[in-house]
Each structure stands twice: as structure tokens, then as C-alpha cells.
């Protein structure tokens, strides 16, 4: 009996599939540890929260960094996720030559409802393994922000963050890398969510 092995893709192979038209123009996919993952459809709360968050961060950060929305980041040879929001360092070519890599990234944010478990486990682990210093999850299930910082490797393998903090939707947080910039979460979480 022959064992069945799933094909894992490199980023180069993944990009080639896109060039060959393997994906439809409106397909929402990302590469995670060599697997092509179909991204979940977004509900209205997710879309509203994501739009509000992007707008607030873009207005706060201005030209001091680049705020990217649902664009790829390159973490390794086999992982190219598309987080909801990423804040990256400014770069003279605006990332025309390559997607941002871990050294370029100040903050990764996922807005989570149906993908909460996946974002807390798989995405958290891959961001920690890549050395992403700050990872936030806007948890739309419990209506709170989950802030993760200080990535580390566990004694028994795997990766996680040492510091985890929960922030409520009526509170204010400082944006990593910008101690003078604060984000009022009440401007991000739609008021109707708490009802």
C-alpha cells in the first residue's frame, strides 16, 4: 500500500500557479506552510471593523510607515499570508521589488470571527516563528483586541508569544513602534456589535 502525501508548494511554485491562471481573479487564497489556503468569506462586521481599523491606522501613521490592507507578506520559502492589516517600515521602492518580510514588519493584524481558532493557533504560530514582534487579533466573537508580543520557541517545539494582553473595545492602545500614537478601539469596533 502506498502512503499518500500532500504536495506542498514553495512561494515560487505558488506564484507560478497564479501566472498560469490556476486561480480565478477573485479567488482569495494564501500560502501557509506550503498549503494553498482558501480564505474565509467576510461578513459585514468583519468588513466594517477591517475598514474602520485600516482608516484609523492610515490616518494615525501617515507617512511615518506604510499601512497595507490584505496584501501579501513573505515569511519563509513556503508561507505568504495576506493579513487583514500590516504596518511596515517605509522603503524607497514601496515594496515594488518584493513583498514585506519579517524585518520590514512592525505589526500584523488579523480581524477574526469565523477564523478565530485558526488565527489564534496556525497564524499566531507562523508569525511567532517568523519573529514578527507584534501580532494583534481583533476578536469579533468576544469583542476585544488580543495583543501578542515577544515571540519565542517553546521547549518542546512550536512557537508562541510570551506576552498576551486583552484590551476592551472602550480602551486605547499604543501602536507598536510609535509610542506617541494611540488607537482608540471604540473607533474600530462597530458600536452595534455589543448589542
N, C-alpha and C. Protein backbone atom coordinates (compact mmCIF):
# COMPACT_ATOMS: atom_id res chain seq x y z
N UNK A 1 0.84 -1.17 0.00
CA UNK A 1 0.00 0.00 0.00
C UNK A 1 0.89 1.24 0.00
N UNK A 2 0.57 2.19 -0.83
CA UNK A 2 1.35 3.41 -0.97
C UNK A 2 0.80 4.49 -0.04
N UNK A 3 1.71 5.18 0.64
CA UNK A 3 1.30 6.29 1.51
C UNK A 3 0.92 7.49 0.65
N UNK A 4 -0.05 8.22 1.08
CA UNK A 4 -0.49 9.42 0.37
C UNK A 4 0.20 10.63 1.00
N UNK A 5 0.80 11.45 0.15
CA UNK A 5 1.49 12.65 0.63
C UNK A 5 0.92 13.85 -0.11
N UNK A 6 0.56 14.86 0.63
CA UNK A 6 0.06 16.09 0.02
C UNK A 6 1.22 16.86 -0.59
N UNK A 7 0.99 17.49 -1.72
CA UNK A 7 2.00 18.33 -2.36
C UNK A 7 2.08 19.65 -1.63
N UNK A 8 3.27 20.02 -1.21
CA UNK A 8 3.49 21.32 -0.58
C UNK A 8 4.18 22.21 -1.61
N UNK A 9 3.77 23.46 -1.64
CA UNK A 9 4.26 24.40 -2.65
C UNK A 9 5.25 25.38 -2.04
N UNK A 10 6.22 25.77 -2.84
CA UNK A 10 7.11 26.87 -2.47
C UNK A 10 6.42 28.16 -2.93
N UNK A 11 6.94 29.28 -2.49
CA UNK A 11 6.38 30.56 -2.94
C UNK A 11 6.54 30.70 -4.45
N UNK A 12 7.68 30.27 -4.99
CA UNK A 12 7.90 30.37 -6.44
C UNK A 12 6.86 29.55 -7.20
N UNK A 13 6.58 28.34 -6.72
CA UNK A 13 5.57 27.50 -7.37
C UNK A 13 4.18 28.11 -7.25
N UNK A 14 3.89 28.65 -6.08
CA UNK A 14 2.60 29.30 -5.82
C UNK A 14 2.39 30.48 -6.78
N UNK A 15 3.42 31.30 -6.94
CA UNK A 15 3.34 32.44 -7.85
C UNK A 15 3.17 31.96 -9.30
N UNK A 16 3.86 30.89 -9.64
CA UNK A 16 3.76 30.34 -11.00
C UNK A 16 2.33 29.86 -11.27
N UNK A 17 1.70 29.22 -10.29
CA UNK A 17 0.31 28.79 -10.45
C UNK A 17 -0.58 29.99 -10.76
N UNK A 18 -0.33 31.10 -10.06
CA UNK A 18 -1.10 32.33 -10.32
C UNK A 18 -0.87 32.84 -11.73
N UNK A 19 0.40 32.84 -12.17
CA UNK A 19 0.72 33.31 -13.52
C UNK A 19 0.06 32.44 -14.59
N UNK A 20 -0.06 31.15 -14.31
CA UNK A 20 -0.66 30.21 -15.28
C UNK A 20 -2.19 30.24 -15.26
N UNK A 21 -2.77 31.06 -14.38
CA UNK A 21 -4.23 31.18 -14.33
C UNK A 21 -4.91 30.09 -13.53
N UNK A 22 -4.16 29.44 -12.64
CA UNK A 22 -4.72 28.38 -11.80
C UNK A 22 -5.82 28.93 -10.88
N UNK A 23 -5.67 30.18 -10.46
CA UNK A 23 -6.65 30.82 -9.58
C UNK A 23 -7.51 31.78 -10.39
N UNK A 24 -8.76 31.88 -10.02
CA UNK A 24 -9.66 32.86 -10.63
C UNK A 24 -9.27 34.25 -10.10
N UNK A 25 -9.54 35.32 -10.85
CA UNK A 25 -9.15 36.66 -10.41
C UNK A 25 -9.72 37.05 -9.04
N UNK A 26 -10.89 36.55 -8.69
CA UNK A 26 -11.48 36.93 -7.40
C UNK A 26 -11.26 35.87 -6.31
N UNK A 27 -10.44 34.84 -6.59
CA UNK A 27 -10.13 33.85 -5.56
C UNK A 27 -9.32 34.51 -4.45
N UNK A 28 -9.69 34.20 -3.22
CA UNK A 28 -8.95 34.72 -2.07
C UNK A 28 -8.18 33.56 -1.46
N UNK A 29 -6.90 33.47 -1.79
CA UNK A 29 -6.06 32.38 -1.32
C UNK A 29 -4.77 32.94 -0.73
N UNK A 30 -4.15 32.12 0.11
CA UNK A 30 -2.85 32.46 0.66
C UNK A 30 -2.06 31.17 0.85
N UNK A 31 -0.74 31.28 0.93
CA UNK A 31 0.12 30.12 1.10
C UNK A 31 0.60 30.07 2.55
N UNK A 32 0.26 28.99 3.25
CA UNK A 32 0.65 28.81 4.65
C UNK A 32 1.34 27.46 4.79
N UNK A 33 2.63 27.50 5.13
CA UNK A 33 3.43 26.28 5.30
C UNK A 33 3.27 25.32 4.12
N UNK A 34 3.30 25.89 2.92
CA UNK A 34 3.26 25.09 1.71
C UNK A 34 1.88 24.70 1.23
N UNK A 35 0.86 25.00 2.01
CA UNK A 35 -0.51 24.66 1.64
C UNK A 35 -1.23 25.90 1.11
N UNK A 36 -1.98 25.71 0.03
CA UNK A 36 -2.79 26.81 -0.50
C UNK A 36 -4.10 26.81 0.28
N UNK A 37 -4.34 27.89 1.00
CA UNK A 37 -5.50 28.01 1.88
C UNK A 37 -6.51 28.95 1.24
N UNK A 38 -7.75 28.49 1.16
CA UNK A 38 -8.83 29.35 0.68
C UNK A 38 -9.29 30.18 1.87
N UNK A 39 -9.24 31.48 1.72
CA UNK A 39 -9.59 32.38 2.82
C UNK A 39 -11.11 32.45 2.97
N UNK A 40 -11.54 32.59 4.21
CA UNK A 40 -12.97 32.64 4.51
C UNK A 40 -13.62 33.90 3.96
N UNK A 41 -14.88 33.77 3.59
CA UNK A 41 -15.65 34.94 3.16
C UNK A 41 -15.83 35.87 4.36
N UNK A 42 -15.92 37.15 4.09
CA UNK A 42 -16.04 38.13 5.17
C UNK A 42 -17.49 38.54 5.36
N UNK A 43 -17.91 38.51 6.62
CA UNK A 43 -19.24 39.02 6.95
C UNK A 43 -19.20 40.53 7.07
N UNK A 44 -20.36 41.13 7.32
CA UNK A 44 -20.43 42.59 7.39
C UNK A 44 -19.66 43.16 8.58
N UNK A 45 -19.74 42.52 9.76
CA UNK A 45 -19.00 43.05 10.91
C UNK A 45 -17.50 43.02 10.64
N UNK A 46 -17.04 41.92 10.03
CA UNK A 46 -15.62 41.81 9.70
C UNK A 46 -15.22 42.93 8.74
N UNK A 47 -16.00 43.13 7.70
CA UNK A 47 -15.68 44.15 6.70
C UNK A 47 -15.68 45.55 7.30
N UNK A 48 -16.68 45.84 8.12
CA UNK A 48 -16.77 47.18 8.74
C UNK A 48 -15.60 47.40 9.69
N UNK A 49 -15.33 46.43 10.56
CA UNK A 49 -14.23 46.57 11.51
C UNK A 49 -12.91 46.73 10.76
N UNK A 50 -12.70 45.93 9.74
CA UNK A 50 -11.47 45.99 8.97
C UNK A 50 -11.30 47.36 8.30
N UNK A 51 -12.39 47.88 7.72
CA UNK A 51 -12.33 49.19 7.06
C UNK A 51 -12.07 50.31 8.05
N UNK A 52 -12.74 50.25 9.20
CA UNK A 52 -12.53 51.27 10.23
C UNK A 52 -11.09 51.22 10.76
N UNK A 53 -10.60 50.01 11.01
CA UNK A 53 -9.24 49.83 11.51
C UNK A 53 -8.21 50.38 10.52
N UNK A 54 -8.35 50.00 9.27
CA UNK A 54 -7.41 50.48 8.25
C UNK A 54 -7.43 52.01 8.17
N UNK A 55 -8.62 52.58 8.16
CA UNK A 55 -8.74 54.03 8.09
C UNK A 55 -8.10 54.73 9.26
N UNK A 56 -8.35 54.22 10.47
CA UNK A 56 -7.77 54.83 11.68
C UNK A 56 -6.24 54.75 11.66
N UNK A 57 -5.71 53.57 11.33
CA UNK A 57 -4.25 53.40 11.32
C UNK A 57 -3.59 54.25 10.23
N UNK A 58 -4.22 54.29 9.08
CA UNK A 58 -3.69 55.09 7.98
C UNK A 58 -3.62 56.57 8.37
N UNK A 59 -4.68 57.06 9.02
CA UNK A 59 -4.72 58.47 9.45
C UNK A 59 -3.69 58.74 10.54
N UNK A 60 -3.52 57.79 11.47
CA UNK A 60 -2.57 57.99 12.58
C UNK A 60 -1.12 57.92 12.13
N UNK A 61 -0.80 56.90 11.35
CA UNK A 61 0.59 56.65 10.98
C UNK A 61 1.07 57.62 9.91
N UNK A 62 0.18 58.02 9.01
CA UNK A 62 0.55 58.97 7.97
C UNK A 62 1.69 58.45 7.12
N UNK A 63 2.71 59.26 6.94
CA UNK A 63 3.84 58.88 6.09
C UNK A 63 5.01 58.30 6.90
N UNK A 64 4.78 58.05 8.19
CA UNK A 64 5.85 57.51 9.04
C UNK A 64 6.11 56.03 8.80
N UNK A 65 5.15 55.35 8.17
CA UNK A 65 5.26 53.92 7.83
C UNK A 65 4.23 53.66 6.75
N UNK A 66 4.17 52.43 6.28
CA UNK A 66 3.20 52.05 5.26
C UNK A 66 2.16 51.14 5.90
N UNK A 67 0.89 51.49 5.74
CA UNK A 67 -0.21 50.66 6.23
C UNK A 67 -0.76 49.91 5.02
N UNK A 68 -0.69 48.59 5.07
CA UNK A 68 -1.14 47.76 3.95
C UNK A 68 -2.36 46.97 4.38
N UNK A 69 -3.32 46.85 3.48
CA UNK A 69 -4.54 46.11 3.77
C UNK A 69 -4.69 44.90 2.88
N UNK A 70 -4.75 43.72 3.50
CA UNK A 70 -5.00 42.46 2.81
C UNK A 70 -4.05 42.25 1.63
N UNK A 71 -2.77 42.51 1.88
CA UNK A 71 -1.72 42.32 0.88
C UNK A 71 -0.73 41.28 1.40
N UNK A 72 -0.04 40.56 0.50
CA UNK A 72 0.88 39.50 0.93
C UNK A 72 2.08 40.01 1.70
N UNK A 73 2.54 39.15 2.61
CA UNK A 73 3.84 39.32 3.26
C UNK A 73 4.57 37.99 3.10
N UNK A 74 5.88 38.04 2.93
CA UNK A 74 6.66 36.82 2.75
C UNK A 74 7.34 36.47 4.06
N UNK A 75 6.99 35.29 4.61
CA UNK A 75 7.55 34.89 5.89
C UNK A 75 8.66 33.85 5.76
N UNK A 76 8.57 33.00 4.77
CA UNK A 76 9.56 31.94 4.55
C UNK A 76 9.41 31.48 3.11
N UNK A 77 10.13 30.42 2.75
CA UNK A 77 10.05 29.91 1.37
C UNK A 77 8.71 29.26 1.05
N UNK A 78 7.91 29.00 2.10
CA UNK A 78 6.64 28.31 1.86
C UNK A 78 5.43 28.98 2.53
N UNK A 79 5.58 30.24 2.93
CA UNK A 79 4.46 30.94 3.57
C UNK A 79 4.36 32.39 3.12
N UNK A 80 3.19 32.71 2.57
CA UNK A 80 2.93 34.07 2.12
C UNK A 80 1.47 34.41 2.48
N UNK A 81 1.23 34.68 3.76
CA UNK A 81 -0.14 35.03 4.17
C UNK A 81 -0.52 36.43 3.71
N UNK A 82 -1.81 36.71 3.79
CA UNK A 82 -2.34 38.04 3.47
C UNK A 82 -3.15 38.54 4.66
N UNK A 83 -2.47 39.07 5.69
CA UNK A 83 -3.18 39.54 6.88
C UNK A 83 -4.14 40.69 6.54
N UNK A 84 -5.10 40.92 7.43
CA UNK A 84 -6.05 42.00 7.20
C UNK A 84 -5.37 43.35 7.14
N UNK A 85 -4.44 43.60 8.06
CA UNK A 85 -3.69 44.87 8.08
C UNK A 85 -2.26 44.59 8.52
N UNK A 86 -1.32 45.28 7.90
CA UNK A 86 0.09 45.20 8.29
C UNK A 86 0.65 46.61 8.27
N UNK A 87 1.46 46.93 9.28
CA UNK A 87 2.21 48.18 9.27
C UNK A 87 3.67 47.80 9.03
N UNK A 88 4.25 48.38 7.96
CA UNK A 88 5.64 48.09 7.60
C UNK A 88 6.47 49.37 7.63
N UNK A 89 7.77 49.16 7.73
CA UNK A 89 8.69 50.28 7.64
C UNK A 89 8.60 50.88 6.23
N UNK A 90 8.88 52.15 6.13
CA UNK A 90 8.97 52.79 4.81
C UNK A 90 10.14 52.17 4.05
N UNK A 91 9.97 52.01 2.77
CA UNK A 91 11.05 51.53 1.92
C UNK A 91 10.99 52.33 0.63
N UNK A 92 12.14 52.70 0.10
CA UNK A 92 12.19 53.62 -1.04
C UNK A 92 11.41 53.12 -2.26
N UNK A 93 11.34 51.80 -2.46
CA UNK A 93 10.61 51.29 -3.62
C UNK A 93 9.16 50.92 -3.29
N UNK A 94 8.71 51.24 -2.07
CA UNK A 94 7.34 50.93 -1.64
C UNK A 94 6.98 49.46 -1.82
N UNK A 95 7.99 48.58 -1.71
CA UNK A 95 7.81 47.13 -1.81
C UNK A 95 7.47 46.67 -3.22
N UNK A 96 7.94 47.41 -4.20
CA UNK A 96 7.75 47.01 -5.59
C UNK A 96 8.62 45.81 -5.93
N UNK A 97 9.82 45.74 -5.37
CA UNK A 97 10.75 44.64 -5.69
C UNK A 97 10.42 43.35 -4.96
N UNK A 98 9.72 43.42 -3.84
CA UNK A 98 9.34 42.22 -3.10
C UNK A 98 8.31 42.59 -2.03
N UNK A 99 7.54 41.59 -1.63
CA UNK A 99 6.60 41.81 -0.53
C UNK A 99 7.38 42.03 0.76
N UNK A 100 6.77 42.67 1.75
CA UNK A 100 7.46 42.84 3.04
C UNK A 100 7.84 41.50 3.66
N UNK A 101 8.98 41.49 4.31
CA UNK A 101 9.48 40.32 5.03
C UNK A 101 9.50 40.66 6.51
N UNK A 102 9.73 39.67 7.39
CA UNK A 102 9.67 39.93 8.83
C UNK A 102 10.45 41.16 9.31
N UNK A 103 11.63 41.40 8.77
CA UNK A 103 12.43 42.55 9.22
C UNK A 103 11.78 43.89 8.88
N UNK A 104 10.86 43.87 7.90
CA UNK A 104 10.18 45.09 7.47
C UNK A 104 8.92 45.39 8.29
N UNK A 105 8.44 44.40 9.03
CA UNK A 105 7.10 44.45 9.61
C UNK A 105 7.12 44.93 11.06
N UNK A 106 6.30 45.95 11.34
CA UNK A 106 6.17 46.47 12.70
C UNK A 106 4.98 45.84 13.43
N UNK A 107 3.92 45.52 12.69
CA UNK A 107 2.70 44.98 13.31
C UNK A 107 1.90 44.22 12.26
N UNK A 108 1.42 43.03 12.65
CA UNK A 108 0.50 42.24 11.84
C UNK A 108 -0.83 42.16 12.58
N UNK A 109 -1.93 42.37 11.85
CA UNK A 109 -3.26 42.34 12.46
C UNK A 109 -4.18 41.44 11.66
N UNK A 110 -4.90 40.57 12.37
CA UNK A 110 -5.98 39.79 11.78
C UNK A 110 -7.28 40.22 12.45
N UNK A 111 -8.32 40.37 11.66
CA UNK A 111 -9.67 40.63 12.17
C UNK A 111 -10.37 39.28 12.10
N UNK A 112 -10.85 38.78 13.25
CA UNK A 112 -11.28 37.38 13.33
C UNK A 112 -12.68 37.21 13.87
N UNK A 113 -13.45 36.42 13.16
CA UNK A 113 -14.72 35.91 13.67
C UNK A 113 -14.75 34.41 13.37
N UNK A 114 -15.12 34.02 12.16
CA UNK A 114 -15.16 32.59 11.83
C UNK A 114 -13.77 31.96 11.80
N UNK A 115 -12.71 32.76 11.66
CA UNK A 115 -11.34 32.24 11.61
C UNK A 115 -10.59 32.38 12.93
N UNK A 116 -11.29 32.67 14.02
CA UNK A 116 -10.62 32.96 15.29
C UNK A 116 -9.69 31.84 15.74
N UNK A 117 -10.16 30.61 15.72
CA UNK A 117 -9.33 29.48 16.16
C UNK A 117 -8.08 29.37 15.30
N UNK A 118 -8.23 29.49 13.98
CA UNK A 118 -7.12 29.42 13.04
C UNK A 118 -6.13 30.56 13.28
N UNK A 119 -6.65 31.76 13.49
CA UNK A 119 -5.78 32.92 13.71
C UNK A 119 -5.04 32.82 15.05
N UNK A 120 -5.67 32.21 16.05
CA UNK A 120 -5.03 32.05 17.37
C UNK A 120 -3.99 30.92 17.38
N UNK A 121 -4.14 29.97 16.51
CA UNK A 121 -3.21 28.83 16.51
C UNK A 121 -2.23 28.89 15.34
N UNK A 122 -2.73 28.61 14.16
CA UNK A 122 -1.85 28.50 12.99
C UNK A 122 -1.18 29.82 12.66
N UNK A 123 -1.96 30.87 12.52
CA UNK A 123 -1.38 32.16 12.15
C UNK A 123 -0.46 32.67 13.26
N UNK A 124 -0.89 32.57 14.50
CA UNK A 124 -0.07 33.02 15.63
C UNK A 124 1.28 32.30 15.62
N UNK A 125 1.25 31.00 15.45
CA UNK A 125 2.47 30.20 15.45
C UNK A 125 3.42 30.60 14.32
N UNK A 126 2.87 30.80 13.13
CA UNK A 126 3.73 31.13 12.00
C UNK A 126 4.29 32.55 12.11
N UNK A 127 3.50 33.47 12.67
CA UNK A 127 4.01 34.83 12.87
C UNK A 127 5.10 34.82 13.95
N UNK A 128 4.89 34.07 15.02
CA UNK A 128 5.90 33.99 16.08
C UNK A 128 7.18 33.34 15.55
N UNK A 129 7.02 32.26 14.80
CA UNK A 129 8.19 31.57 14.24
C UNK A 129 8.99 32.49 13.32
N UNK A 130 8.32 33.36 12.63
CA UNK A 130 8.98 34.29 11.71
C UNK A 130 9.59 35.50 12.42
N UNK A 131 9.36 35.60 13.73
CA UNK A 131 9.93 36.70 14.50
C UNK A 131 9.15 38.00 14.40
N UNK A 132 7.87 37.92 14.00
CA UNK A 132 7.02 39.12 13.97
C UNK A 132 6.85 39.57 15.42
N UNK A 133 7.32 40.76 15.74
CA UNK A 133 7.37 41.18 17.15
C UNK A 133 6.00 41.47 17.75
N UNK A 134 5.06 41.94 16.94
CA UNK A 134 3.73 42.27 17.47
C UNK A 134 2.65 41.74 16.55
N UNK A 135 1.71 40.99 17.13
CA UNK A 135 0.60 40.39 16.40
C UNK A 135 -0.67 40.68 17.17
N UNK A 136 -1.63 41.32 16.50
CA UNK A 136 -2.91 41.65 17.13
C UNK A 136 -4.03 40.86 16.46
N UNK A 137 -4.97 40.42 17.26
CA UNK A 137 -6.19 39.79 16.75
C UNK A 137 -7.38 40.62 17.23
N UNK A 138 -8.10 41.20 16.28
CA UNK A 138 -9.35 41.87 16.63
C UNK A 138 -10.41 40.78 16.67
N UNK A 139 -10.70 40.32 17.89
CA UNK A 139 -11.61 39.20 18.14
C UNK A 139 -13.04 39.73 18.11
N UNK A 140 -13.76 39.42 17.01
CA UNK A 140 -15.13 39.89 16.86
C UNK A 140 -16.14 38.98 17.54
N UNK A 141 -15.68 37.81 18.00
CA UNK A 141 -16.56 36.89 18.74
C UNK A 141 -16.76 37.42 20.16
N UNK A 142 -15.65 37.75 20.83
CA UNK A 142 -15.70 38.24 22.21
C UNK A 142 -15.63 39.76 22.29
N UNK A 143 -15.52 40.41 21.15
CA UNK A 143 -15.44 41.87 21.02
C UNK A 143 -14.33 42.43 21.91
N UNK A 144 -13.10 42.06 21.51
CA UNK A 144 -11.92 42.52 22.24
C UNK A 144 -10.70 42.44 21.32
N UNK A 145 -9.66 43.14 21.69
CA UNK A 145 -8.40 43.08 20.99
C UNK A 145 -7.46 42.19 21.79
N UNK A 146 -6.84 41.23 21.12
CA UNK A 146 -5.85 40.35 21.75
C UNK A 146 -4.49 40.73 21.20
N UNK A 147 -3.63 41.27 22.06
CA UNK A 147 -2.30 41.74 21.66
C UNK A 147 -1.25 40.71 22.06
N UNK A 148 -0.41 40.32 21.12
CA UNK A 148 0.64 39.34 21.37
C UNK A 148 1.98 39.97 21.03
N UNK A 149 2.97 39.79 21.92
CA UNK A 149 4.30 40.33 21.66
C UNK A 149 5.36 39.40 22.25
N UNK A 150 6.58 39.62 21.89
CA UNK A 150 7.75 38.84 22.32
C UNK A 150 7.66 37.38 21.87
N UNK A 151 7.87 37.14 20.58
CA UNK A 151 7.83 35.76 20.08
C UNK A 151 8.95 34.91 20.68
N UNK A 152 8.69 33.62 20.86
CA UNK A 152 9.70 32.70 21.37
C UNK A 152 9.39 31.28 20.91
N UNK A 153 10.41 30.42 21.01
CA UNK A 153 10.23 29.00 20.70
C UNK A 153 10.04 28.23 22.00
N UNK A 154 9.00 27.42 22.04
CA UNK A 154 8.70 26.62 23.22
C UNK A 154 9.75 25.53 23.40
N UNK A 155 9.91 25.06 24.64
CA UNK A 155 10.87 23.99 24.93
C UNK A 155 10.62 22.73 24.11
N UNK A 156 9.36 22.42 23.90
CA UNK A 156 9.00 21.19 23.16
C UNK A 156 8.67 21.48 21.70
N UNK A 157 9.25 22.53 21.16
CA UNK A 157 8.99 22.89 19.77
C UNK A 157 7.78 23.78 19.66
N UNK A 158 7.53 24.25 18.49
CA UNK A 158 6.42 25.16 18.29
C UNK A 158 6.81 26.57 18.71
N UNK A 159 6.00 27.52 18.31
CA UNK A 159 6.29 28.92 18.58
C UNK A 159 5.06 29.61 19.15
N UNK A 160 5.30 30.63 19.97
CA UNK A 160 4.21 31.34 20.63
C UNK A 160 4.73 32.73 20.98
N UNK A 161 3.90 33.48 21.68
CA UNK A 161 4.28 34.80 22.19
C UNK A 161 4.27 34.77 23.71
N UNK A 162 5.27 35.37 24.32
CA UNK A 162 5.39 35.39 25.78
C UNK A 162 4.37 36.31 26.43
N UNK A 163 4.09 37.44 25.79
CA UNK A 163 3.19 38.43 26.38
C UNK A 163 1.87 38.45 25.61
N UNK A 164 0.78 38.28 26.36
CA UNK A 164 -0.56 38.33 25.77
C UNK A 164 -1.41 39.26 26.62
N UNK A 165 -2.07 40.17 25.95
CA UNK A 165 -2.88 41.16 26.67
C UNK A 165 -4.22 41.31 25.97
N UNK A 166 -5.28 41.34 26.75
CA UNK A 166 -6.62 41.57 26.21
C UNK A 166 -7.01 43.01 26.50
N UNK A 167 -7.51 43.69 25.46
CA UNK A 167 -7.92 45.08 25.60
C UNK A 167 -9.38 45.18 25.17
N UNK A 168 -10.16 45.90 25.96
CA UNK A 168 -11.59 46.01 25.71
C UNK A 168 -11.90 47.11 24.69
N UNK A 169 -13.07 47.05 24.05
CA UNK A 169 -13.36 47.96 22.94
C UNK A 169 -13.52 49.43 23.32
N UNK A 170 -13.56 49.75 24.61
CA UNK A 170 -13.66 51.15 25.02
C UNK A 170 -12.31 51.70 25.49
N UNK A 171 -11.24 50.96 25.23
CA UNK A 171 -9.91 51.37 25.69
C UNK A 171 -9.05 51.87 24.52
N UNK A 172 -7.87 52.36 24.88
CA UNK A 172 -6.94 52.94 23.92
C UNK A 172 -5.63 52.16 24.01
N UNK A 173 -4.99 51.89 22.85
CA UNK A 173 -3.72 51.18 22.84
C UNK A 173 -2.68 51.98 22.05
N UNK A 174 -1.42 51.78 22.42
CA UNK A 174 -0.31 52.42 21.72
C UNK A 174 0.08 51.53 20.55
N UNK A 175 0.36 52.12 19.42
CA UNK A 175 0.74 51.37 18.23
C UNK A 175 2.22 51.00 18.32
N UNK A 176 2.56 49.72 18.18
CA UNK A 176 3.96 49.30 18.28
C UNK A 176 4.85 50.07 17.31
N UNK A 177 5.99 50.52 17.83
CA UNK A 177 6.93 51.28 17.03
C UNK A 177 6.66 52.78 17.03
N UNK A 178 5.51 53.17 17.60
CA UNK A 178 5.12 54.58 17.62
C UNK A 178 4.57 54.93 19.01
N UNK A 179 5.44 55.13 19.98
CA UNK A 179 4.98 55.37 21.35
C UNK A 179 4.11 56.61 21.51
N UNK A 180 4.14 57.50 20.52
CA UNK A 180 3.34 58.72 20.59
C UNK A 180 1.99 58.58 19.88
N UNK A 181 1.71 57.42 19.31
CA UNK A 181 0.44 57.21 18.59
C UNK A 181 -0.45 56.22 19.31
N UNK A 182 -1.69 56.63 19.58
CA UNK A 182 -2.64 55.78 20.27
C UNK A 182 -3.87 55.54 19.41
N UNK A 183 -4.35 54.30 19.45
CA UNK A 183 -5.54 53.91 18.71
C UNK A 183 -6.69 53.73 19.68
N UNK A 184 -7.76 54.49 19.47
CA UNK A 184 -8.97 54.38 20.28
C UNK A 184 -9.80 53.24 19.70
N UNK A 185 -9.93 52.14 20.44
CA UNK A 185 -10.63 50.98 19.92
C UNK A 185 -12.10 51.22 19.68
N UNK A 186 -12.69 52.19 20.34
CA UNK A 186 -14.11 52.48 20.11
C UNK A 186 -14.34 53.01 18.69
N UNK A 187 -13.27 53.47 18.04
CA UNK A 187 -13.38 53.94 16.66
C UNK A 187 -13.26 52.79 15.66
N UNK A 188 -12.92 51.60 16.18
CA UNK A 188 -12.70 50.44 15.32
C UNK A 188 -13.82 49.41 15.45
N UNK A 189 -14.18 49.08 16.68
CA UNK A 189 -15.26 48.11 16.89
C UNK A 189 -16.60 48.79 16.64
N UNK A 190 -17.38 48.30 15.67
CA UNK A 190 -18.69 48.92 15.44
C UNK A 190 -19.54 48.91 16.71
N UNK A 191 -20.15 50.04 17.04
CA UNK A 191 -20.91 50.17 18.28
C UNK A 191 -22.02 49.13 18.40
N UNK A 192 -22.62 48.74 17.29
CA UNK A 192 -23.72 47.78 17.31
C UNK A 192 -23.28 46.38 17.70
N UNK A 193 -21.99 46.10 17.67
CA UNK A 193 -21.51 44.74 17.98
C UNK A 193 -21.83 44.35 19.41
N UNK A 194 -21.79 45.31 20.31
CA UNK A 194 -22.01 45.00 21.72
C UNK A 194 -23.45 44.77 22.06
N UNK A 195 -24.35 45.01 21.13
CA UNK A 195 -25.78 44.91 21.43
C UNK A 195 -26.29 43.50 21.29
